[in-house]
Amino acid sequence: MTGKASRDWIADWDQIYAGLFGPAVEAAVARYGTAPASPLAALPLSAYTGSYGNPYIGRAVIAEKDGALEIRLGPEGTAVFQLSHFDRDLFTYRPYAEMPTMPFVVSFAIGSDQKATEITLDDLNDLGLGLLKRTGN
């Protein structure tokens, strides 16, 4: 009403969000922020690449780029996030700009042919809907 801010609203909202999300971010960083001292090696990256999907999330593509994996989400695959190897078939990614330090887990289930048969996206799995089955290469 006066044409200028009456207080520092950003600082106020930062405190609110820190109270809401701070403990979850701290727990995730403590658990997945640093890889184990002796992580198990990942399979060849080609074992993980391919298309996965379910009716809730739709399609997710795991692709190799510049010697690393990335996940492509969304109807056109336009949301692209680099995966960081954590331990064997477990990778992390950071999909939320609002919480850039919070790692989320992408875990791969490996079949007898040593290729991934499904992935679980932990940040989308609250109701068990983050499990995506392999749909193609």
N, C-alpha and C. Protein backbone atom coordinates (compact mmCIF):
# COMPACT_ATOMS: atom_id res chain seq x y z
N MET A 1 0.81 -1.19 0.00
CA MET A 1 0.00 0.00 0.00
C MET A 1 0.86 1.25 0.00
N THR A 2 2.11 1.12 0.47
CA THR A 2 2.97 2.29 0.53
C THR A 2 3.95 2.34 -0.63
N GLY A 3 3.97 1.29 -1.48
CA GLY A 3 4.89 1.27 -2.60
C GLY A 3 6.25 0.70 -2.25
N LYS A 4 6.43 0.24 -1.01
CA LYS A 4 7.68 -0.40 -0.62
C LYS A 4 7.38 -1.51 0.38
N ALA A 5 8.30 -2.44 0.47
CA ALA A 5 8.12 -3.57 1.39
C ALA A 5 8.18 -3.07 2.83
N SER A 6 7.28 -3.60 3.64
CA SER A 6 7.25 -3.19 5.05
C SER A 6 8.19 -4.03 5.91
N ARG A 7 8.65 -5.16 5.37
CA ARG A 7 9.60 -6.01 6.09
C ARG A 7 10.28 -6.94 5.10
N ASP A 8 11.25 -7.66 5.56
CA ASP A 8 12.02 -8.57 4.71
C ASP A 8 11.27 -9.91 4.63
N TRP A 9 10.36 -10.00 3.66
CA TRP A 9 9.54 -11.20 3.53
C TRP A 9 10.35 -12.42 3.13
N ILE A 10 11.41 -12.23 2.37
CA ILE A 10 12.24 -13.37 1.95
C ILE A 10 12.88 -14.02 3.17
N ALA A 11 13.42 -13.22 4.08
CA ALA A 11 14.02 -13.78 5.29
C ALA A 11 12.98 -14.53 6.12
N ASP A 12 11.78 -13.97 6.22
CA ASP A 12 10.71 -14.64 6.99
C ASP A 12 10.36 -15.98 6.37
N TRP A 13 10.18 -16.01 5.05
CA TRP A 13 9.83 -17.26 4.38
C TRP A 13 10.99 -18.25 4.39
N ASP A 14 12.23 -17.79 4.32
CA ASP A 14 13.38 -18.69 4.43
C ASP A 14 13.36 -19.43 5.76
N GLN A 15 13.01 -18.72 6.83
CA GLN A 15 12.92 -19.37 8.14
C GLN A 15 11.80 -20.40 8.18
N ILE A 16 10.68 -20.08 7.59
CA ILE A 16 9.56 -21.02 7.57
C ILE A 16 9.95 -22.28 6.81
N TYR A 17 10.53 -22.10 5.61
CA TYR A 17 10.93 -23.26 4.82
C TYR A 17 12.03 -24.06 5.49
N ALA A 18 12.96 -23.39 6.16
CA ALA A 18 14.02 -24.11 6.88
C ALA A 18 13.41 -24.99 7.97
N GLY A 19 12.39 -24.48 8.64
CA GLY A 19 11.73 -25.29 9.67
C GLY A 19 10.96 -26.46 9.09
N LEU A 20 10.37 -26.26 7.92
CA LEU A 20 9.60 -27.34 7.28
C LEU A 20 10.49 -28.40 6.65
N PHE A 21 11.50 -27.97 5.91
CA PHE A 21 12.29 -28.89 5.11
C PHE A 21 13.69 -29.15 5.65
N GLY A 22 14.16 -28.30 6.55
CA GLY A 22 15.53 -28.42 7.06
C GLY A 22 15.88 -29.79 7.59
N PRO A 23 15.07 -30.39 8.47
CA PRO A 23 15.41 -31.71 8.99
C PRO A 23 15.48 -32.79 7.91
N ALA A 24 14.59 -32.74 6.93
CA ALA A 24 14.61 -33.74 5.85
C ALA A 24 15.86 -33.57 4.98
N VAL A 25 16.21 -32.32 4.69
CA VAL A 25 17.41 -32.06 3.89
C VAL A 25 18.64 -32.54 4.65
N GLU A 26 18.73 -32.22 5.92
CA GLU A 26 19.88 -32.63 6.73
C GLU A 26 20.00 -34.15 6.78
N ALA A 27 18.89 -34.85 6.94
CA ALA A 27 18.92 -36.32 6.99
C ALA A 27 19.36 -36.90 5.65
N ALA A 28 18.86 -36.36 4.55
CA ALA A 28 19.24 -36.87 3.23
C ALA A 28 20.71 -36.60 2.94
N VAL A 29 21.18 -35.41 3.30
CA VAL A 29 22.59 -35.09 3.08
C VAL A 29 23.48 -35.98 3.95
N ALA A 30 23.07 -36.23 5.18
CA ALA A 30 23.86 -37.11 6.05
C ALA A 30 23.94 -38.52 5.49
N ARG A 31 22.85 -38.99 4.89
CA ARG A 31 22.82 -40.37 4.39
C ARG A 31 23.41 -40.50 2.99
N TYR A 32 23.10 -39.56 2.09
CA TYR A 32 23.47 -39.71 0.69
C TYR A 32 24.33 -38.57 0.14
N GLY A 33 24.74 -37.64 0.97
CA GLY A 33 25.53 -36.51 0.50
C GLY A 33 26.95 -36.88 0.13
N THR A 34 27.49 -37.91 0.75
CA THR A 34 28.85 -38.37 0.48
C THR A 34 28.81 -39.87 0.24
N ALA A 35 29.41 -40.29 -0.86
CA ALA A 35 29.43 -41.73 -1.18
C ALA A 35 30.20 -42.49 -0.11
N PRO A 36 29.90 -43.79 0.04
CA PRO A 36 30.64 -44.61 1.01
C PRO A 36 32.15 -44.58 0.71
N ALA A 37 32.94 -44.84 1.73
CA ALA A 37 34.40 -44.83 1.57
C ALA A 37 34.84 -45.85 0.53
N SER A 38 34.19 -46.98 0.48
CA SER A 38 34.53 -48.03 -0.48
C SER A 38 33.26 -48.48 -1.21
N PRO A 39 32.74 -47.64 -2.09
CA PRO A 39 31.50 -48.03 -2.78
C PRO A 39 31.74 -49.19 -3.73
N LEU A 40 30.72 -50.01 -3.90
CA LEU A 40 30.78 -51.07 -4.89
C LEU A 40 30.67 -50.42 -6.26
N ALA A 41 31.40 -50.93 -7.22
CA ALA A 41 31.39 -50.36 -8.56
C ALA A 41 30.04 -50.57 -9.22
N ALA A 42 29.67 -49.62 -10.04
CA ALA A 42 28.45 -49.75 -10.84
C ALA A 42 28.70 -50.75 -11.96
N LEU A 43 27.64 -51.28 -12.51
CA LEU A 43 27.73 -52.09 -13.71
C LEU A 43 28.11 -51.16 -14.87
N PRO A 44 28.43 -51.71 -16.04
CA PRO A 44 28.61 -50.81 -17.19
C PRO A 44 27.36 -49.95 -17.35
N LEU A 45 27.54 -48.70 -17.72
CA LEU A 45 26.41 -47.78 -17.79
C LEU A 45 25.30 -48.27 -18.71
N SER A 46 25.65 -49.03 -19.72
CA SER A 46 24.65 -49.56 -20.65
C SER A 46 23.67 -50.50 -19.96
N ALA A 47 24.03 -51.05 -18.81
CA ALA A 47 23.13 -51.94 -18.06
C ALA A 47 21.94 -51.16 -17.49
N TYR A 48 22.09 -49.86 -17.32
CA TYR A 48 21.06 -49.04 -16.71
C TYR A 48 20.25 -48.24 -17.74
N THR A 49 20.84 -47.97 -18.91
CA THR A 49 20.18 -47.10 -19.88
C THR A 49 18.94 -47.77 -20.47
N GLY A 50 17.96 -46.95 -20.78
CA GLY A 50 16.74 -47.44 -21.39
C GLY A 50 15.54 -46.63 -20.95
N SER A 51 14.37 -47.07 -21.38
CA SER A 51 13.11 -46.42 -21.03
C SER A 51 12.42 -47.21 -19.94
N TYR A 52 11.82 -46.48 -19.01
CA TYR A 52 11.09 -47.07 -17.90
C TYR A 52 9.77 -46.31 -17.78
N GLY A 53 8.78 -46.94 -17.20
CA GLY A 53 7.54 -46.20 -17.05
C GLY A 53 6.54 -46.86 -16.15
N ASN A 54 5.52 -46.08 -15.81
CA ASN A 54 4.34 -46.57 -15.11
C ASN A 54 3.20 -45.58 -15.42
N PRO A 55 1.97 -45.97 -15.13
CA PRO A 55 0.84 -45.08 -15.47
C PRO A 55 0.84 -43.76 -14.70
N TYR A 56 1.43 -43.72 -13.52
CA TYR A 56 1.41 -42.51 -12.70
C TYR A 56 2.43 -41.48 -13.20
N ILE A 57 3.68 -41.90 -13.33
CA ILE A 57 4.75 -40.98 -13.70
C ILE A 57 4.86 -40.84 -15.21
N GLY A 58 4.52 -41.88 -15.91
CA GLY A 58 4.71 -41.87 -17.36
C GLY A 58 6.05 -42.47 -17.69
N ARG A 59 6.76 -41.80 -18.55
CA ARG A 59 8.02 -42.33 -19.07
C ARG A 59 9.20 -41.61 -18.45
N ALA A 60 10.22 -42.40 -18.13
CA ALA A 60 11.52 -41.88 -17.71
C ALA A 60 12.57 -42.56 -18.56
N VAL A 61 13.53 -41.79 -19.01
CA VAL A 61 14.61 -42.34 -19.83
C VAL A 61 15.91 -42.17 -19.06
N ILE A 62 16.64 -43.25 -18.95
CA ILE A 62 17.99 -43.21 -18.40
C ILE A 62 18.93 -43.26 -19.60
N ALA A 63 19.75 -42.24 -19.75
CA ALA A 63 20.64 -42.14 -20.91
C ALA A 63 22.07 -41.90 -20.43
N GLU A 64 23.00 -42.31 -21.26
CA GLU A 64 24.40 -42.04 -20.99
C GLU A 64 24.81 -40.78 -21.73
N LYS A 65 25.50 -39.91 -21.01
CA LYS A 65 26.00 -38.68 -21.63
C LYS A 65 27.34 -38.32 -21.01
N ASP A 66 28.34 -38.22 -21.84
CA ASP A 66 29.68 -37.83 -21.40
C ASP A 66 30.20 -38.73 -20.28
N GLY A 67 29.97 -40.02 -20.40
CA GLY A 67 30.50 -40.98 -19.43
C GLY A 67 29.75 -41.05 -18.11
N ALA A 68 28.57 -40.47 -18.07
CA ALA A 68 27.75 -40.51 -16.85
C ALA A 68 26.30 -40.78 -17.25
N LEU A 69 25.46 -41.02 -16.26
CA LEU A 69 24.04 -41.24 -16.52
C LEU A 69 23.24 -39.99 -16.23
N GLU A 70 22.15 -39.84 -16.96
CA GLU A 70 21.19 -38.80 -16.66
C GLU A 70 19.80 -39.39 -16.78
N ILE A 71 18.86 -38.76 -16.07
CA ILE A 71 17.47 -39.17 -16.15
C ILE A 71 16.69 -38.05 -16.81
N ARG A 72 15.81 -38.45 -17.74
CA ARG A 72 14.97 -37.49 -18.46
C ARG A 72 13.53 -37.78 -18.10
N LEU A 73 12.86 -36.80 -17.54
CA LEU A 73 11.48 -36.95 -17.08
C LEU A 73 10.57 -35.96 -17.78
N GLY A 74 9.28 -36.22 -17.70
CA GLY A 74 8.29 -35.33 -18.29
C GLY A 74 7.83 -35.83 -19.63
N PRO A 75 6.73 -35.29 -20.11
CA PRO A 75 6.14 -35.77 -21.37
C PRO A 75 7.11 -35.76 -22.56
N GLU A 76 7.94 -34.77 -22.62
CA GLU A 76 8.90 -34.67 -23.72
C GLU A 76 10.33 -34.98 -23.27
N GLY A 77 10.48 -35.41 -22.00
CA GLY A 77 11.82 -35.68 -21.48
C GLY A 77 12.65 -34.43 -21.29
N THR A 78 11.97 -33.30 -21.07
CA THR A 78 12.69 -32.03 -20.98
C THR A 78 13.28 -31.74 -19.61
N ALA A 79 12.83 -32.45 -18.59
CA ALA A 79 13.43 -32.29 -17.26
C ALA A 79 14.57 -33.29 -17.17
N VAL A 80 15.80 -32.79 -17.25
CA VAL A 80 16.99 -33.64 -17.33
C VAL A 80 17.84 -33.40 -16.10
N PHE A 81 18.22 -34.51 -15.43
CA PHE A 81 19.02 -34.42 -14.22
C PHE A 81 20.15 -35.44 -14.29
N GLN A 82 21.34 -35.00 -13.93
CA GLN A 82 22.49 -35.90 -13.90
C GLN A 82 22.38 -36.82 -12.68
N LEU A 83 22.72 -38.09 -12.89
CA LEU A 83 22.77 -39.05 -11.80
C LEU A 83 24.21 -39.16 -11.32
N SER A 84 24.39 -39.21 -10.01
CA SER A 84 25.70 -39.41 -9.41
C SER A 84 25.74 -40.80 -8.80
N HIS A 85 26.77 -41.56 -9.14
CA HIS A 85 26.89 -42.91 -8.59
C HIS A 85 27.12 -42.83 -7.09
N PHE A 86 26.41 -43.67 -6.35
CA PHE A 86 26.57 -43.70 -4.90
C PHE A 86 27.17 -45.03 -4.46
N ASP A 87 26.53 -46.14 -4.82
CA ASP A 87 27.01 -47.45 -4.42
C ASP A 87 26.30 -48.51 -5.27
N ARG A 88 27.07 -49.28 -6.00
CA ARG A 88 26.58 -50.34 -6.90
C ARG A 88 25.44 -49.85 -7.81
N ASP A 89 24.19 -50.19 -7.51
CA ASP A 89 23.06 -49.86 -8.38
C ASP A 89 22.22 -48.71 -7.82
N LEU A 90 22.81 -47.92 -6.98
CA LEU A 90 22.13 -46.80 -6.35
C LEU A 90 22.82 -45.50 -6.78
N PHE A 91 22.01 -44.59 -7.28
CA PHE A 91 22.49 -43.30 -7.76
C PHE A 91 21.67 -42.21 -7.06
N THR A 92 22.17 -40.99 -7.10
CA THR A 92 21.41 -39.87 -6.54
C THR A 92 21.25 -38.79 -7.60
N TYR A 93 20.25 -37.97 -7.38
CA TYR A 93 20.05 -36.79 -8.23
C TYR A 93 19.40 -35.71 -7.40
N ARG A 94 19.42 -34.50 -7.91
CA ARG A 94 18.89 -33.32 -7.21
C ARG A 94 17.88 -32.62 -8.13
N PRO A 95 16.61 -33.05 -8.07
CA PRO A 95 15.63 -32.55 -9.02
C PRO A 95 14.94 -31.24 -8.64
N TYR A 96 15.14 -30.75 -7.43
CA TYR A 96 14.37 -29.59 -6.99
C TYR A 96 15.26 -28.38 -6.76
N ALA A 97 15.05 -27.35 -7.57
CA ALA A 97 15.84 -26.12 -7.43
C ALA A 97 15.64 -25.49 -6.06
N GLU A 98 14.48 -25.73 -5.46
CA GLU A 98 14.19 -25.16 -4.14
C GLU A 98 15.02 -25.82 -3.04
N MET A 99 15.51 -27.03 -3.30
CA MET A 99 16.33 -27.77 -2.34
C MET A 99 17.56 -28.32 -3.06
N PRO A 100 18.45 -27.45 -3.50
CA PRO A 100 19.56 -27.88 -4.36
C PRO A 100 20.57 -28.80 -3.69
N THR A 101 20.61 -28.83 -2.37
CA THR A 101 21.59 -29.69 -1.69
C THR A 101 21.01 -31.04 -1.30
N MET A 102 19.71 -31.24 -1.50
CA MET A 102 19.07 -32.48 -1.05
C MET A 102 19.15 -33.56 -2.12
N PRO A 103 19.91 -34.63 -1.83
CA PRO A 103 19.98 -35.72 -2.79
C PRO A 103 18.78 -36.66 -2.65
N PHE A 104 18.28 -37.10 -3.79
CA PHE A 104 17.22 -38.10 -3.83
C PHE A 104 17.78 -39.33 -4.53
N VAL A 105 17.28 -40.48 -4.16
CA VAL A 105 17.82 -41.76 -4.62
C VAL A 105 17.07 -42.28 -5.83
N VAL A 106 17.85 -42.80 -6.77
CA VAL A 106 17.35 -43.59 -7.89
C VAL A 106 18.02 -44.95 -7.74
N SER A 107 17.21 -45.99 -7.49
CA SER A 107 17.79 -47.33 -7.34
C SER A 107 17.32 -48.22 -8.48
N PHE A 108 18.22 -49.07 -8.93
CA PHE A 108 17.96 -49.96 -10.04
C PHE A 108 17.88 -51.39 -9.53
N ALA A 109 16.89 -52.14 -9.99
CA ALA A 109 16.80 -53.58 -9.75
C ALA A 109 17.41 -54.26 -10.97
N ILE A 110 18.31 -55.17 -10.74
CA ILE A 110 19.06 -55.81 -11.82
C ILE A 110 18.55 -57.23 -12.04
N GLY A 111 18.32 -57.58 -13.30
CA GLY A 111 17.85 -58.90 -13.66
C GLY A 111 18.99 -59.88 -13.85
N SER A 112 18.65 -61.12 -14.16
CA SER A 112 19.65 -62.17 -14.32
C SER A 112 20.58 -61.91 -15.52
N ASP A 113 20.13 -61.08 -16.46
CA ASP A 113 20.96 -60.74 -17.62
C ASP A 113 21.90 -59.56 -17.34
N GLN A 114 21.95 -59.13 -16.07
CA GLN A 114 22.79 -58.02 -15.63
C GLN A 114 22.39 -56.68 -16.26
N LYS A 115 21.09 -56.55 -16.55
CA LYS A 115 20.52 -55.27 -17.01
C LYS A 115 19.41 -54.88 -16.05
N ALA A 116 19.23 -53.58 -15.90
CA ALA A 116 18.18 -53.09 -15.01
C ALA A 116 16.81 -53.49 -15.55
N THR A 117 15.95 -53.95 -14.65
CA THR A 117 14.58 -54.32 -15.02
C THR A 117 13.58 -53.27 -14.55
N GLU A 118 13.98 -52.48 -13.55
CA GLU A 118 13.10 -51.43 -13.02
C GLU A 118 13.93 -50.44 -12.24
N ILE A 119 13.35 -49.26 -12.04
CA ILE A 119 13.97 -48.23 -11.22
C ILE A 119 12.94 -47.75 -10.20
N THR A 120 13.45 -47.27 -9.08
CA THR A 120 12.61 -46.63 -8.08
C THR A 120 13.14 -45.22 -7.86
N LEU A 121 12.26 -44.25 -8.03
CA LEU A 121 12.58 -42.85 -7.78
C LEU A 121 12.03 -42.52 -6.40
N ASP A 122 12.91 -42.46 -5.40
CA ASP A 122 12.46 -42.29 -4.02
C ASP A 122 11.62 -41.04 -3.79
N ASP A 123 11.94 -39.93 -4.46
CA ASP A 123 11.19 -38.71 -4.22
C ASP A 123 9.77 -38.77 -4.76
N LEU A 124 9.48 -39.72 -5.62
CA LEU A 124 8.14 -39.88 -6.19
C LEU A 124 7.47 -41.15 -5.68
N ASN A 125 8.03 -41.76 -4.64
CA ASN A 125 7.58 -43.08 -4.22
C ASN A 125 6.85 -43.09 -2.88
N ASP A 126 6.36 -41.94 -2.42
CA ASP A 126 5.67 -41.90 -1.13
C ASP A 126 4.51 -42.89 -1.05
N LEU A 127 3.78 -43.04 -2.11
CA LEU A 127 2.63 -43.96 -2.13
C LEU A 127 2.93 -45.21 -2.95
N GLY A 128 4.20 -45.49 -3.16
CA GLY A 128 4.58 -46.66 -3.95
C GLY A 128 4.45 -46.46 -5.44
N LEU A 129 4.32 -45.21 -5.88
CA LEU A 129 4.12 -44.93 -7.29
C LEU A 129 5.41 -44.57 -8.02
N GLY A 130 6.53 -44.64 -7.33
CA GLY A 130 7.81 -44.29 -7.94
C GLY A 130 8.55 -45.46 -8.54
N LEU A 131 7.90 -46.62 -8.63
CA LEU A 131 8.51 -47.81 -9.23
C LEU A 131 8.15 -47.83 -10.72
N LEU A 132 9.17 -47.82 -11.56
CA LEU A 132 8.97 -47.81 -13.01
C LEU A 132 9.62 -49.05 -13.60
N LYS A 133 8.89 -49.78 -14.40
CA LYS A 133 9.39 -51.00 -15.06
C LYS A 133 10.03 -50.63 -16.39
N ARG A 134 11.03 -51.43 -16.77
CA ARG A 134 11.67 -51.22 -18.07
C ARG A 134 10.65 -51.43 -19.17
N THR A 135 10.61 -50.49 -20.12
CA THR A 135 9.67 -50.59 -21.24
C THR A 135 10.41 -50.69 -22.57
N GLY A 136 11.69 -50.46 -22.59
CA GLY A 136 12.45 -50.54 -23.82
C GLY A 136 13.88 -50.12 -23.63
N ASN A 137 14.66 -50.25 -24.69
CA ASN A 137 16.09 -49.89 -24.62
C ASN A 137 16.31 -48.42 -24.80
